[in-house]
Each structure stands twice: as structure tokens, then as C-alpha cells.
């Protein structure tokens, strides 16, 4: 069973089996996260720097970059979980 880890943020220590179960996304979840990633990437590409307030541009760019990275990590974890499941099932 997952054990809560004491720190400033809420985190959990998961066994490999728990991690695989938690990380595996269904097809609809993958489509949602991929679409949200795409929206953030498009918004980042469409940012226009304002020379009079370049700091705002940098903050927005960093926000979108962070969103993209978070979605990439979620999707990569799901892919890794699927690979572990396939390996445990003999590559079926």
C-alpha cells in the first residue's frame, strides 16, 4: 500500500506495481493530455514579445514550457508503465 511521505508537499512512496497501475493512462486520458500539451505548445509558439515588458513574455513562455514538460512526463510515465506491463506479460 502506498505510504505518504512526510514533507512540505504531499507525496507517496509507491511500490513498482502501484506505480505501474497509477501511471497507466487509458486512451481517452492520453488524448486529453496530448491535446492539452498541444494547446500549450501552440500558445507558446504564438507568444509575441512586448519590448516594453519583456518580463511578462518570459513568464508566459516559462509557464507554457512548464506545462509542456509536465504533460510530457505524464505521457512518458504511461508509456513506461505500458512497456513494463508488456514485459511482464511476455511481450504480448
PDB file of N, CA and C in Angstrom:
ATOM      1  N   UNK A   1       0.851  -1.189   0.000  1.00  0.00           N
ATOM      2  CA  UNK A   1       0.000   0.000   0.000  1.00  0.00           C
ATOM      3  C   UNK A   1       0.886   1.237   0.000  1.00  0.00           C
ATOM      4  N   UNK A   2       0.488   2.229  -0.766  1.00  0.00           N
ATOM      5  CA  UNK A   2       1.254   3.476  -0.852  1.00  0.00           C
ATOM      6  C   UNK A   2       1.372   4.106   0.529  1.00  0.00           C
ATOM      7  N   UNK A   3       2.565   4.630   0.803  1.00  0.00           N
ATOM      8  CA  UNK A   3       2.826   5.249   2.091  1.00  0.00           C
ATOM      9  C   UNK A   3       3.073   6.736   1.872  1.00  0.00           C
ATOM     10  N   UNK A   4       2.356   7.572   2.626  1.00  0.00           N
ATOM     11  CA  UNK A   4       2.549   9.011   2.485  1.00  0.00           C
ATOM     12  C   UNK A   4       3.904   9.385   3.053  1.00  0.00           C
ATOM     13  N   UNK A   5       4.624  10.213   2.316  1.00  0.00           N
ATOM     14  CA  UNK A   5       5.949  10.658   2.717  1.00  0.00           C
ATOM     15  C   UNK A   5       5.822  12.034   3.357  1.00  0.00           C
ATOM     16  N   UNK A   6       6.423  12.192   4.516  1.00  0.00           N
ATOM     17  CA  UNK A   6       6.347  13.463   5.230  1.00  0.00           C
ATOM     18  C   UNK A   6       7.302  14.470   4.597  1.00  0.00           C
ATOM     19  N   UNK A   7       6.728  15.507   4.027  1.00  0.00           N
ATOM     20  CA  UNK A   7       7.499  16.631   3.505  1.00  0.00           C
ATOM     21  C   UNK A   7       6.550  17.811   3.329  1.00  0.00           C
ATOM     22  N   UNK A   8       7.049  18.899   2.826  1.00  0.00           N
ATOM     23  CA  UNK A   8       6.237  20.100   2.670  1.00  0.00           C
ATOM     24  C   UNK A   8       5.074  19.866   1.708  1.00  0.00           C
ATOM     25  N   UNK A   9       5.294  19.036   0.698  1.00  0.00           N
ATOM     26  CA  UNK A   9       4.269  18.719  -0.283  1.00  0.00           C
ATOM     27  C   UNK A   9       3.747  17.320   0.003  1.00  0.00           C
ATOM     28  N   UNK A  10       2.596  17.005  -0.527  1.00  0.00           N
ATOM     29  CA  UNK A  10       2.069  15.660  -0.354  1.00  0.00           C
ATOM     30  C   UNK A  10       2.657  14.761  -1.425  1.00  0.00           C
ATOM     31  N   UNK A  11       3.345  13.727  -0.993  1.00  0.00           N
ATOM     32  CA  UNK A  11       3.877  12.743  -1.938  1.00  0.00           C
ATOM     33  C   UNK A  11       3.721  11.362  -1.321  1.00  0.00           C
ATOM     34  N   UNK A  12       3.851  10.355  -2.165  1.00  0.00           N
ATOM     35  CA  UNK A  12       3.638   8.992  -1.726  1.00  0.00           C
ATOM     36  C   UNK A  12       4.763   8.104  -2.223  1.00  0.00           C
ATOM     37  N   UNK A  13       5.135   7.149  -1.411  1.00  0.00           N
ATOM     38  CA  UNK A  13       6.098   6.135  -1.792  1.00  0.00           C
ATOM     39  C   UNK A  13       5.302   4.952  -2.319  1.00  0.00           C
ATOM     40  N   UNK A  14       5.445   4.671  -3.604  1.00  0.00           N
ATOM     41  CA  UNK A  14       4.673   3.615  -4.248  1.00  0.00           C
ATOM     42  C   UNK A  14       5.567   2.424  -4.561  1.00  0.00           C
ATOM     43  N   UNK A  15       4.998   1.241  -4.445  1.00  0.00           N
ATOM     44  CA  UNK A  15       5.708   0.062  -4.923  1.00  0.00           C
ATOM     45  C   UNK A  15       5.720   0.135  -6.451  1.00  0.00           C
ATOM     46  N   UNK A  16       6.535  -0.701  -7.091  1.00  0.00           N
ATOM     47  CA  UNK A  16       6.564  -0.691  -8.559  1.00  0.00           C
ATOM     48  C   UNK A  16       5.185  -1.029  -9.113  1.00  0.00           C
ATOM     49  N   UNK A  17       4.515  -2.000  -8.527  1.00  0.00           N
ATOM     50  CA  UNK A  17       3.183  -2.388  -9.001  1.00  0.00           C
ATOM     51  C   UNK A  17       2.186  -1.238  -8.869  1.00  0.00           C
ATOM     52  N   UNK A  18       2.231  -0.528  -7.745  1.00  0.00           N
ATOM     53  CA  UNK A  18       1.338   0.621  -7.556  1.00  0.00           C
ATOM     54  C   UNK A  18       1.654   1.716  -8.564  1.00  0.00           C
ATOM     55  N   UNK A  19       2.968   1.961  -8.796  1.00  0.00           N
ATOM     56  CA  UNK A  19       3.368   2.999  -9.744  1.00  0.00           C
ATOM     57  C   UNK A  19       2.857   2.669 -11.140  1.00  0.00           C
ATOM     58  N   UNK A  20       3.006   1.402 -11.550  1.00  0.00           N
ATOM     59  CA  UNK A  20       2.557   0.983 -12.883  1.00  0.00           C
ATOM     60  C   UNK A  20       1.054   1.181 -13.008  1.00  0.00           C
ATOM     61  N   UNK A  21       0.305   0.783 -11.998  1.00  0.00           N
ATOM     62  CA  UNK A  21      -1.148   0.952 -12.040  1.00  0.00           C
ATOM     63  C   UNK A  21      -1.536   2.423 -12.107  1.00  0.00           C
ATOM     64  N   UNK A  22      -0.842   3.255 -11.338  1.00  0.00           N
ATOM     65  CA  UNK A  22      -1.165   4.682 -11.302  1.00  0.00           C
ATOM     66  C   UNK A  22      -0.754   5.404 -12.580  1.00  0.00           C
ATOM     67  N   UNK A  23       0.358   4.994 -13.169  1.00  0.00           N
ATOM     68  CA  UNK A  23       0.905   5.700 -14.331  1.00  0.00           C
ATOM     69  C   UNK A  23       0.203   5.336 -15.630  1.00  0.00           C
ATOM     70  N   UNK A  24      -0.402   4.164 -15.687  1.00  0.00           N
ATOM     71  CA  UNK A  24      -1.021   3.715 -16.939  1.00  0.00           C
ATOM     72  C   UNK A  24      -2.288   4.524 -17.221  1.00  0.00           C
ATOM     73  N   UNK A  25      -2.285   5.214 -18.346  1.00  0.00           N
ATOM     74  CA  UNK A  25      -3.434   6.016 -18.761  1.00  0.00           C
ATOM     75  C   UNK A  25      -4.265   5.227 -19.767  1.00  0.00           C
ATOM     76  N   UNK A  26      -5.573   5.470 -19.740  1.00  0.00           N
ATOM     77  CA  UNK A  26      -6.402   4.866 -20.789  1.00  0.00           C
ATOM     78  C   UNK A  26      -6.312   5.756 -22.037  1.00  0.00           C
ATOM     79  N   UNK A  27      -6.886   5.296 -23.142  1.00  0.00           N
ATOM     80  CA  UNK A  27      -6.766   6.037 -24.405  1.00  0.00           C
ATOM     81  C   UNK A  27      -7.354   7.443 -24.318  1.00  0.00           C
ATOM     82  N   UNK A  28      -8.473   7.599 -23.642  1.00  0.00           N
ATOM     83  CA  UNK A  28      -9.094   8.922 -23.532  1.00  0.00           C
ATOM     84  C   UNK A  28      -8.209   9.870 -22.721  1.00  0.00           C
ATOM     85  N   UNK A  29      -7.609   9.368 -21.652  1.00  0.00           N
ATOM     86  CA  UNK A  29      -6.715  10.206 -20.851  1.00  0.00           C
ATOM     87  C   UNK A  29      -5.487  10.626 -21.674  1.00  0.00           C
ATOM     88  N   UNK A  30      -4.950   9.693 -22.458  1.00  0.00           N
ATOM     89  CA  UNK A  30      -3.806  10.031 -23.314  1.00  0.00           C
ATOM     90  C   UNK A  30      -4.190  11.126 -24.315  1.00  0.00           C
ATOM     91  N   UNK A  31      -5.370  10.986 -24.916  1.00  0.00           N
ATOM     92  CA  UNK A  31      -5.814  12.006 -25.878  1.00  0.00           C
ATOM     93  C   UNK A  31      -5.989  13.356 -25.200  1.00  0.00           C
ATOM     94  N   UNK A  32      -6.543  13.357 -23.989  1.00  0.00           N
ATOM     95  CA  UNK A  32      -6.725  14.603 -23.251  1.00  0.00           C
ATOM     96  C   UNK A  32      -5.390  15.272 -22.967  1.00  0.00           C
ATOM     97  N   UNK A  33      -4.440  14.508 -22.400  1.00  0.00           N
ATOM     98  CA  UNK A  33      -3.147  15.104 -22.059  1.00  0.00           C
ATOM     99  C   UNK A  33      -2.368  15.520 -23.305  1.00  0.00           C
ATOM    100  N   UNK A  34      -2.468  14.746 -24.380  1.00  0.00           N
ATOM    101  CA  UNK A  34      -1.798  15.128 -25.624  1.00  0.00           C
ATOM    102  C   UNK A  34      -2.414  16.406 -26.193  1.00  0.00           C
ATOM    103  N   UNK A  35      -3.736  16.530 -26.107  1.00  0.00           N
ATOM    104  CA  UNK A  35      -4.408  17.742 -26.592  1.00  0.00           C
ATOM    105  C   UNK A  35      -4.034  18.952 -25.738  1.00  0.00           C
ATOM    106  N   UNK A  36      -3.977  18.767 -24.418  1.00  0.00           N
ATOM    107  CA  UNK A  36      -3.589  19.865 -23.533  1.00  0.00           C
ATOM    108  C   UNK A  36      -2.134  20.273 -23.792  1.00  0.00           C
ATOM    109  N   UNK A  37      -1.274  19.290 -24.073  1.00  0.00           N
ATOM    110  CA  UNK A  37       0.117  19.574 -24.408  1.00  0.00           C
ATOM    111  C   UNK A  37       0.181  20.376 -25.702  1.00  0.00           C
ATOM    112  N   UNK A  38      -0.605  19.957 -26.689  1.00  0.00           N
ATOM    113  CA  UNK A  38      -0.630  20.636 -27.978  1.00  0.00           C
ATOM    114  C   UNK A  38      -1.117  22.077 -27.827  1.00  0.00           C
ATOM    115  N   UNK A  39      -2.143  22.285 -27.023  1.00  0.00           N
ATOM    116  CA  UNK A  39      -2.660  23.642 -26.804  1.00  0.00           C
ATOM    117  C   UNK A  39      -1.597  24.531 -26.165  1.00  0.00           C
ATOM    118  N   UNK A  40      -0.873  23.987 -25.191  1.00  0.00           N
ATOM    119  CA  UNK A  40       0.182  24.768 -24.534  1.00  0.00           C
ATOM    120  C   UNK A  40       1.313  25.072 -25.516  1.00  0.00           C
ATOM    121  N   UNK A  41       1.670  24.091 -26.344  1.00  0.00           N
ATOM    122  CA  UNK A  41       2.741  24.304 -27.325  1.00  0.00           C
ATOM    123  C   UNK A  41       2.336  25.356 -28.359  1.00  0.00           C
ATOM    124  N   UNK A  42       1.084  25.286 -28.822  1.00  0.00           N
ATOM    125  CA  UNK A  42       0.613  26.291 -29.782  1.00  0.00           C
ATOM    126  C   UNK A  42       0.585  27.676 -29.162  1.00  0.00           C
ATOM    127  N   UNK A  43       0.138  27.764 -27.915  1.00  0.00           N
ATOM    128  CA  UNK A  43       0.111  29.061 -27.233  1.00  0.00           C
ATOM    129  C   UNK A  43       1.530  29.606 -27.076  1.00  0.00           C
ATOM    130  N   UNK A  44       2.473  28.733 -26.728  1.00  0.00           N
ATOM    131  CA  UNK A  44       3.878  29.151 -26.584  1.00  0.00           C
ATOM    132  C   UNK A  44       4.420  29.673 -27.911  1.00  0.00           C
ATOM    133  N   UNK A  45       4.119  28.957 -28.998  1.00  0.00           N
ATOM    134  CA  UNK A  45       4.594  29.392 -30.310  1.00  0.00           C
ATOM    135  C   UNK A  45       3.985  30.728 -30.745  1.00  0.00           C
ATOM    136  N   UNK A  46       2.784  31.010 -30.273  1.00  0.00           N
ATOM    137  CA  UNK A  46       2.091  32.234 -30.678  1.00  0.00           C
ATOM    138  C   UNK A  46       2.375  33.426 -29.774  1.00  0.00           C
ATOM    139  N   UNK A  47       3.214  33.236 -28.768  1.00  0.00           N
ATOM    140  CA  UNK A  47       3.561  34.366 -27.904  1.00  0.00           C
ATOM    141  C   UNK A  47       4.340  35.403 -28.705  1.00  0.00           C
ATOM    142  N   UNK A  48       4.028  36.653 -28.458  1.00  0.00           N
ATOM    143  CA  UNK A  48       4.729  37.753 -29.124  1.00  0.00           C
ATOM    144  C   UNK A  48       5.395  38.600 -28.053  1.00  0.00           C
ATOM    145  N   UNK A  49       6.708  38.711 -28.099  1.00  0.00           N
ATOM    146  CA  UNK A  49       7.406  39.516 -27.098  1.00  0.00           C
ATOM    147  C   UNK A  49       7.003  40.990 -27.187  1.00  0.00           C
ATOM    148  N   UNK A  50       6.788  41.581 -26.038  1.00  0.00           N
ATOM    149  CA  UNK A  50       6.490  43.009 -25.954  1.00  0.00           C
ATOM    150  C   UNK A  50       7.767  43.690 -25.452  1.00  0.00           C
ATOM    151  N   UNK A  51       8.438  44.433 -26.335  1.00  0.00           N
ATOM    152  CA  UNK A  51       9.709  45.054 -25.933  1.00  0.00           C
ATOM    153  C   UNK A  51       9.581  45.956 -24.708  1.00  0.00           C
ATOM    154  N   UNK A  52       8.397  46.511 -24.483  1.00  0.00           N
ATOM    155  CA  UNK A  52       8.228  47.391 -23.331  1.00  0.00           C
ATOM    156  C   UNK A  52       8.025  46.620 -22.032  1.00  0.00           C
ATOM    157  N   UNK A  53       7.716  45.302 -22.133  1.00  0.00           N
ATOM    158  CA  UNK A  53       7.525  44.494 -20.933  1.00  0.00           C
ATOM    159  C   UNK A  53       7.958  43.057 -21.229  1.00  0.00           C
ATOM    160  N   UNK A  54       9.235  42.893 -21.459  1.00  0.00           N
ATOM    161  CA  UNK A  54       9.779  41.591 -21.847  1.00  0.00           C
ATOM    162  C   UNK A  54       9.634  40.555 -20.733  1.00  0.00           C
ATOM    163  N   UNK A  55       9.587  41.007 -19.487  1.00  0.00           N
ATOM    164  CA  UNK A  55       9.453  40.097 -18.347  1.00  0.00           C
ATOM    165  C   UNK A  55       8.155  39.304 -18.430  1.00  0.00           C
ATOM    166  N   UNK A  56       7.081  39.929 -18.849  1.00  0.00           N
ATOM    167  CA  UNK A  56       5.794  39.233 -18.978  1.00  0.00           C
ATOM    168  C   UNK A  56       5.916  38.121 -20.016  1.00  0.00           C
ATOM    169  N   UNK A  57       6.551  38.421 -21.131  1.00  0.00           N
ATOM    170  CA  UNK A  57       6.766  37.405 -22.163  1.00  0.00           C
ATOM    171  C   UNK A  57       7.550  36.222 -21.599  1.00  0.00           C
ATOM    172  N   UNK A  58       8.629  36.507 -20.883  1.00  0.00           N
ATOM    173  CA  UNK A  58       9.452  35.434 -20.315  1.00  0.00           C
ATOM    174  C   UNK A  58       8.660  34.587 -19.319  1.00  0.00           C
ATOM    175  N   UNK A  59       7.813  35.233 -18.527  1.00  0.00           N
ATOM    176  CA  UNK A  59       6.990  34.497 -17.561  1.00  0.00           C
ATOM    177  C   UNK A  59       5.980  33.603 -18.273  1.00  0.00           C
ATOM    178  N   UNK A  60       5.348  34.122 -19.304  1.00  0.00           N
ATOM    179  CA  UNK A  60       4.379  33.324 -20.057  1.00  0.00           C
ATOM    180  C   UNK A  60       5.065  32.160 -20.763  1.00  0.00           C
ATOM    181  N   UNK A  61       6.211  32.425 -21.357  1.00  0.00           N
ATOM    182  CA  UNK A  61       6.957  31.383 -22.052  1.00  0.00           C
ATOM    183  C   UNK A  61       7.355  30.274 -21.073  1.00  0.00           C
ATOM    184  N   UNK A  62       7.800  30.662 -19.889  1.00  0.00           N
ATOM    185  CA  UNK A  62       8.196  29.680 -18.868  1.00  0.00           C
ATOM    186  C   UNK A  62       6.985  28.871 -18.396  1.00  0.00           C
ATOM    187  N   UNK A  63       5.836  29.515 -18.265  1.00  0.00           N
ATOM    188  CA  UNK A  63       4.622  28.810 -17.863  1.00  0.00           C
ATOM    189  C   UNK A  63       4.251  27.742 -18.889  1.00  0.00           C
ATOM    190  N   UNK A  64       4.241  28.111 -20.156  1.00  0.00           N
ATOM    191  CA  UNK A  64       3.895  27.142 -21.198  1.00  0.00           C
ATOM    192  C   UNK A  64       4.934  26.028 -21.286  1.00  0.00           C
ATOM    193  N   UNK A  65       6.202  26.376 -21.142  1.00  0.00           N
ATOM    194  CA  UNK A  65       7.259  25.363 -21.169  1.00  0.00           C
ATOM    195  C   UNK A  65       7.061  24.377 -20.015  1.00  0.00           C
ATOM    196  N   UNK A  66       6.686  24.890 -18.845  1.00  0.00           N
ATOM    197  CA  UNK A  66       6.424  24.029 -17.693  1.00  0.00           C
ATOM    198  C   UNK A  66       5.241  23.103 -17.924  1.00  0.00           C
ATOM    199  N   UNK A  67       4.179  23.630 -18.521  1.00  0.00           N
ATOM    200  CA  UNK A  67       3.014  22.792 -18.828  1.00  0.00           C
ATOM    201  C   UNK A  67       3.389  21.678 -19.803  1.00  0.00           C
ATOM    202  N   UNK A  68       4.100  22.041 -20.846  1.00  0.00           N
ATOM    203  CA  UNK A  68       4.504  21.058 -21.852  1.00  0.00           C
ATOM    204  C   UNK A  68       5.342  19.965 -21.199  1.00  0.00           C
ATOM    205  N   UNK A  69       6.292  20.359 -20.367  1.00  0.00           N
ATOM    206  CA  UNK A  69       7.151  19.392 -19.686  1.00  0.00           C
ATOM    207  C   UNK A  69       6.338  18.472 -18.784  1.00  0.00           C
ATOM    208  N   UNK A  70       5.372  19.029 -18.054  1.00  0.00           N
ATOM    209  CA  UNK A  70       4.543  18.205 -17.171  1.00  0.00           C
ATOM    210  C   UNK A  70       3.750  17.170 -17.969  1.00  0.00           C
ATOM    211  N   UNK A  71       3.147  17.595 -19.071  1.00  0.00           N
ATOM    212  CA  UNK A  71       2.393  16.653 -19.910  1.00  0.00           C
ATOM    213  C   UNK A  71       3.327  15.604 -20.516  1.00  0.00           C
ATOM    214  N   UNK A  72       4.521  16.014 -20.928  1.00  0.00           N
ATOM    215  CA  UNK A  72       5.496  15.064 -21.462  1.00  0.00           C
ATOM    216  C   UNK A  72       5.833  14.001 -20.420  1.00  0.00           C
ATOM    217  N   UNK A  73       6.022  14.422 -19.171  1.00  0.00           N
ATOM    218  CA  UNK A  73       6.367  13.481 -18.105  1.00  0.00           C
ATOM    219  C   UNK A  73       5.225  12.511 -17.825  1.00  0.00           C
ATOM    220  N   UNK A  74       4.002  13.000 -17.823  1.00  0.00           N
ATOM    221  CA  UNK A  74       2.839  12.131 -17.594  1.00  0.00           C
ATOM    222  C   UNK A  74       2.712  11.110 -18.714  1.00  0.00           C
ATOM    223  N   UNK A  75       2.819  11.576 -19.961  1.00  0.00           N
ATOM    224  CA  UNK A  75       2.702  10.673 -21.103  1.00  0.00           C
ATOM    225  C   UNK A  75       3.857   9.672 -21.150  1.00  0.00           C
ATOM    226  N   UNK A  76       5.056  10.099 -20.789  1.00  0.00           N
ATOM    227  CA  UNK A  76       6.209   9.194 -20.768  1.00  0.00           C
ATOM    228  C   UNK A  76       6.057   8.144 -19.677  1.00  0.00           C
ATOM    229  N   UNK A  77       5.519   8.542 -18.528  1.00  0.00           N
ATOM    230  CA  UNK A  77       5.296   7.576 -17.444  1.00  0.00           C
ATOM    231  C   UNK A  77       4.288   6.528 -17.873  1.00  0.00           C
ATOM    232  N   UNK A  78       3.249   6.937 -18.571  1.00  0.00           N
ATOM    233  CA  UNK A  78       2.256   5.990 -19.057  1.00  0.00           C
ATOM    234  C   UNK A  78       2.882   5.022 -20.055  1.00  0.00           C
ATOM    235  N   UNK A  79       3.712   5.535 -20.952  1.00  0.00           N
ATOM    236  CA  UNK A  79       4.399   4.676 -21.928  1.00  0.00           C
ATOM    237  C   UNK A  79       5.298   3.676 -21.205  1.00  0.00           C
ATOM    238  N   UNK A  80       6.023   4.148 -20.208  1.00  0.00           N
ATOM    239  CA  UNK A  80       6.906   3.263 -19.437  1.00  0.00           C
ATOM    240  C   UNK A  80       6.095   2.179 -18.722  1.00  0.00           C
ATOM    241  N   UNK A  81       4.958   2.562 -18.160  1.00  0.00           N
ATOM    242  CA  UNK A  81       4.090   1.592 -17.481  1.00  0.00           C
ATOM    243  C   UNK A  81       3.614   0.528 -18.469  1.00  0.00           C
ATOM    244  N   UNK A  82       3.238   0.953 -19.665  1.00  0.00           N
ATOM    245  CA  UNK A  82       2.790   0.003 -20.688  1.00  0.00           C
ATOM    246  C   UNK A  82       3.912  -0.953 -21.076  1.00  0.00           C
ATOM    247  N   UNK A  83       5.142  -0.443 -21.168  1.00  0.00           N
ATOM    248  CA  UNK A  83       6.281  -1.291 -21.505  1.00  0.00           C
ATOM    249  C   UNK A  83       6.565  -2.306 -20.399  1.00  0.00           C
ATOM    250  N   UNK A  84       6.430  -1.890 -19.149  1.00  0.00           N
ATOM    251  CA  UNK A  84       6.627  -2.806 -18.016  1.00  0.00           C
ATOM    252  C   UNK A  84       5.569  -3.902 -18.042  1.00  0.00           C
ATOM    253  N   UNK A  85       4.327  -3.503 -18.290  1.00  0.00           N
ATOM    254  CA  UNK A  85       3.239  -4.486 -18.352  1.00  0.00           C
ATOM    255  C   UNK A  85       3.479  -5.477 -19.489  1.00  0.00           C
ATOM    256  N   UNK A  86       3.891  -4.975 -20.648  1.00  0.00           N
ATOM    257  CA  UNK A  86       4.167  -5.855 -21.794  1.00  0.00           C
ATOM    258  C   UNK A  86       5.307  -6.809 -21.478  1.00  0.00           C
ATOM    259  N   UNK A  87       6.352  -6.320 -20.831  1.00  0.00           N
ATOM    260  CA  UNK A  87       7.486  -7.167 -20.485  1.00  0.00           C
ATOM    261  C   UNK A  87       7.082  -8.233 -19.471  1.00  0.00           C
ATOM    262  N   UNK A  88       6.229  -7.867 -18.527  1.00  0.00           N
ATOM    263  CA  UNK A  88       5.757  -8.822 -17.518  1.00  0.00           C
ATOM    264  C   UNK A  88       4.805  -9.851 -18.095  1.00  0.00           C
ATOM    265  N   UNK A  89       4.177  -9.506 -19.217  1.00  0.00           N
ATOM    266  CA  UNK A  89       3.257 -10.434 -19.870  1.00  0.00           C
ATOM    267  C   UNK A  89       3.933 -11.198 -21.004  1.00  0.00           C
ATOM    268  N   UNK A  90       5.234 -11.151 -21.050  1.00  0.00           N
ATOM    269  CA  UNK A  90       5.965 -11.867 -22.083  1.00  0.00           C
ATOM    270  C   UNK A  90       5.919 -11.208 -23.442  1.00  0.00           C
ATOM    271  N   UNK A  91       5.710  -9.877 -23.463  1.00  0.00           N
ATOM    272  CA  UNK A  91       5.717  -9.136 -24.713  1.00  0.00           C
ATOM    273  C   UNK A  91       4.430  -9.261 -25.516  1.00  0.00           C
ATOM    274  N   UNK A  92       3.369  -9.696 -24.879  1.00  0.00           N
ATOM    275  CA  UNK A  92       2.092  -9.849 -25.592  1.00  0.00           C
ATOM    276  C   UNK A  92       1.521  -8.528 -26.009  1.00  0.00           C
TER     277      UNK A  92
END
